[in-house]
Protein backbone atom coordinates (compact mmCIF):
# COMPACT_ATOMS: atom_id res chain seq x y z
CA MET A 1 -6.36 -1.83 -4.41
CA SER A 2 -8.18 -4.08 -2.02
CA ARG A 3 -6.77 -7.56 -1.76
CA GLU A 4 -9.09 -10.43 -2.65
CA ASN A 5 -8.45 -12.23 0.64
CA ALA A 6 -8.24 -9.17 2.88
CA GLY A 7 -10.19 -9.91 6.02
CA ASN A 8 -10.44 -13.63 5.33
CA GLY A 9 -8.30 -16.50 6.47
CA HIS A 10 -6.21 -17.32 9.48
CA PRO A 11 -4.33 -14.36 10.99
CA THR A 12 -0.97 -16.05 10.35
CA ASP A 13 -1.79 -16.50 6.66
CA ARG A 14 -2.95 -12.91 6.41
CA LEU A 15 0.19 -11.62 8.13
CA MET A 16 2.39 -13.70 5.82
CA ALA A 17 0.51 -12.31 2.79
CA VAL A 18 1.13 -8.76 4.04
CA ALA A 19 4.81 -9.55 4.62
CA GLY A 20 5.00 -10.81 1.05
CA GLN A 21 3.32 -7.68 -0.26
CA ILE A 22 5.64 -5.40 1.73
CA THR A 23 8.66 -7.36 0.49
CA LYS A 24 7.46 -7.05 -3.10
CA THR A 25 6.96 -3.30 -2.64
CA GLY A 26 10.47 -2.98 -1.21
CA LEU A 27 11.98 -4.96 -4.08
CA ARG A 28 10.11 -2.81 -6.56
CA GLY A 29 11.55 0.26 -4.87
CA GLY A 30 15.06 -1.09 -5.44
CA GLU A 31 14.29 -2.02 -9.05
CA MET A 32 12.85 1.43 -9.57
CA GLY A 33 16.06 3.03 -8.26
CA VAL A 34 18.20 1.04 -10.69
CA ALA A 35 15.86 1.76 -13.62
CA ALA A 36 15.76 5.47 -12.72
CA ALA A 37 19.57 5.62 -12.70
CA GLN A 38 19.66 3.97 -16.13
CA THR A 39 17.03 6.36 -17.50
CA ILE A 40 18.85 9.39 -16.09
CA GLY A 41 22.07 8.16 -17.69
CA TYR A 42 20.45 7.72 -21.10
CA ARG A 43 18.68 11.06 -20.97
CA THR A 44 21.74 12.91 -19.72
CA ALA A 45 23.72 11.53 -22.65
CA MET A 46 20.94 12.65 -25.01
CA MET A 47 20.94 16.16 -23.52
CA THR A 48 24.71 16.39 -23.71
CA ALA A 49 24.62 15.37 -27.37
CA ALA A 50 21.89 17.95 -28.03
CA LEU A 51 24.09 20.77 -26.71
CA SER A 52 25.99 20.78 -29.98
CA ASN A 53 22.79 21.24 -32.03
CA PRO A 54 19.87 23.13 -30.45
CA ILE A 55 17.39 21.51 -32.88
CA ASP A 56 18.06 18.21 -31.11
CA PHE A 57 16.30 19.64 -28.04
CA ALA A 58 13.03 19.12 -29.96
CA ASN A 59 13.44 15.42 -29.22
CA PRO A 60 10.09 14.06 -27.94
CA GLU A 61 12.01 12.33 -25.14
CA PHE A 62 12.64 15.69 -23.48
CA ILE A 63 8.91 16.50 -23.49
CA ARG A 64 8.06 13.00 -22.29
CA MET A 65 10.25 13.51 -19.21
CA GLY A 66 7.85 16.00 -17.67
CA ALA A 67 4.59 14.58 -18.97
CA GLU A 68 5.22 11.10 -17.64
CA LYS A 69 5.95 12.43 -14.16
CA VAL A 70 2.65 14.29 -14.14
CA GLU A 71 0.79 11.19 -15.39
CA ALA A 72 2.39 8.97 -12.74
CA ALA A 73 1.68 11.54 -10.02
CA VAL A 74 -2.00 11.82 -10.99
CA GLU A 75 -2.37 8.04 -11.14
CA ALA A 76 -0.62 7.63 -7.77
CA PHE A 77 -2.77 10.38 -6.23
CA HIS A 78 -5.93 8.64 -7.41
CA ALA A 79 -4.75 5.25 -6.10
CA VAL A 80 -3.75 6.71 -2.75
CA ALA A 81 -6.99 8.69 -2.44
CA THR A 82 -8.94 5.49 -3.07
CA GLY A 83 -6.74 3.62 -0.61
CA LEU A 84 -7.23 6.23 2.09
CA GLY A 85 -10.93 5.36 2.15
CA GLU A 86 -10.06 1.72 2.71
CA PHE A 87 -7.49 2.72 5.35
CA GLY A 88 -10.11 4.87 7.10
CA GLN A 89 -12.58 1.98 7.10
CA ALA A 90 -9.92 -0.27 8.63
CA TRP A 91 -9.24 2.31 11.32
CA ILE A 92 -12.95 2.66 12.11
CA THR A 93 -13.31 -1.12 12.23
CA MET A 94 -10.45 -1.34 14.72
CA ILE A 95 -12.12 1.17 17.02
CA THR A 96 -15.64 -0.16 16.54
CA LYS A 97 -14.80 -3.80 17.25
CA GLN A 98 -13.16 -2.92 20.54
CA THR A 99 -16.12 -0.75 21.52
CA GLN A 100 -18.55 -3.56 20.62
CA ALA A 101 -16.61 -6.00 22.81
CA VAL A 102 -16.85 -3.61 25.78
CA ALA A 103 -20.57 -2.96 25.19
CA THR A 104 -21.26 -6.70 25.04
CA THR A 105 -19.37 -7.19 28.30
CA ILE A 106 -21.25 -4.46 30.10
CA GLY A 107 -24.53 -5.97 28.92
CA GLY A 108 -23.36 -9.42 30.01
CA LEU A 109 -22.28 -8.20 33.44
CA ALA A 110 -25.69 -6.65 33.98
CA THR A 111 -27.32 -10.08 33.67
CA CYS A 112 -24.90 -11.97 35.94
CA LYS A 113 -26.48 -13.69 38.93
CA ASN A 114 -23.37 -15.16 40.55
CA PRO A 115 -19.56 -14.84 40.53
CA ALA A 116 -19.13 -17.77 38.10
CA GLU A 117 -21.17 -15.91 35.50
CA ILE A 118 -19.04 -12.79 36.03
CA VAL A 119 -15.88 -14.82 35.39
CA ASP A 120 -17.50 -16.33 32.27
CA VAL A 121 -18.39 -12.86 30.94
CA GLN A 122 -14.85 -11.63 31.63
CA GLN A 123 -13.35 -14.61 29.80
CA ARG A 124 -15.58 -13.99 26.80
CA LEU A 125 -14.62 -10.28 26.88
CA LEU A 126 -10.94 -11.14 26.84
CA ALA A 127 -11.33 -13.66 24.01
CA ASP A 128 -13.58 -11.36 21.96
CA ALA A 129 -11.40 -8.30 22.55
CA VAL A 130 -8.22 -10.11 21.55
CA ASP A 131 -9.88 -11.66 18.49
CA ALA A 132 -11.42 -8.35 17.42
CA GLY A 133 -8.11 -6.57 17.98
CA ILE A 134 -6.16 -9.09 15.93
CA HIS A 135 -8.53 -8.98 12.97
CA ALA A 136 -9.04 -5.22 13.04
CA ASN A 137 -5.31 -4.57 13.25
CA LEU A 138 -4.63 -7.06 10.47
CA ARG A 139 -7.11 -5.20 8.30
CA LEU A 140 -5.31 -1.96 9.13
CA ILE A 141 -1.94 -3.52 8.24
CA GLU A 142 -3.36 -4.91 4.98
CA ALA A 143 -4.74 -1.49 4.06
CA THR A 144 -1.41 0.17 4.89
CA ALA A 145 0.56 -2.28 2.74
CA SER A 146 -1.89 -1.84 -0.14
CA LEU A 147 -1.68 1.93 0.20
CA ALA A 148 2.12 1.87 0.01
CA ALA A 149 2.08 -0.35 -3.09
CA ALA A 150 -0.64 1.69 -4.79
CA GLY A 151 1.28 4.92 -4.30
CA MET A 152 4.48 3.51 -5.78
CA ASN A 153 3.16 1.36 -8.64
CA PRO A 154 2.52 4.14 -11.22
CA ALA A 155 6.06 5.51 -10.90
CA TYR A 156 7.45 1.97 -10.91
CA ARG A 157 5.74 1.16 -14.22
CA LYS A 158 6.86 4.42 -15.86
CA VAL A 159 10.47 4.19 -14.71
CA ARG A 160 10.86 0.53 -15.70
CA ALA A 161 9.23 1.12 -19.10
CA ASN A 162 11.52 4.10 -19.76
CA ALA A 163 14.67 2.16 -18.89
CA ARG A 164 13.65 -0.72 -21.19
CA ARG A 165 12.64 1.57 -24.05
CA LEU A 166 15.75 3.76 -23.84
CA ALA A 167 18.00 0.68 -23.62
CA ARG A 168 16.44 -0.66 -26.84
CA GLU A 169 16.82 2.72 -28.56
CA GLN A 170 20.45 3.08 -27.51
CA ALA A 171 21.37 -0.46 -28.55
């Protein structure tokens, strides 16, 4: 689930990569909705046709309907559970980096001998705190986007595959 470049690169590049990933996830959600509607249409027609002959309800497609949902749910659960660890690490990093910046500042202030050194320490604190905040929050955003994609991808694959397969069978 972890992106190869997560945590590396310029913040703008990282933010653009996350925007791309979120856009792709959104598009997949739309594609999944269309494919689900197609699959429901095909299966409803199959069920309606089976009403005239109860033996037709032994069609493996009707069994597949439940089994594939369970498979996708288990796969999504596993992906999300894995992603939650990454998300938790990103959250801890966000908190830790800010705490480290404050600790460094306090240590720096303790060694100051004149007001110019105090101003220098404060400037470094501001720069370090902003930098740490940007990178930690970007990591949190990257983990969130990955988590959303990981949770949806199993259902996306199943729904799209069903729509393609049923379209071929009905053709």
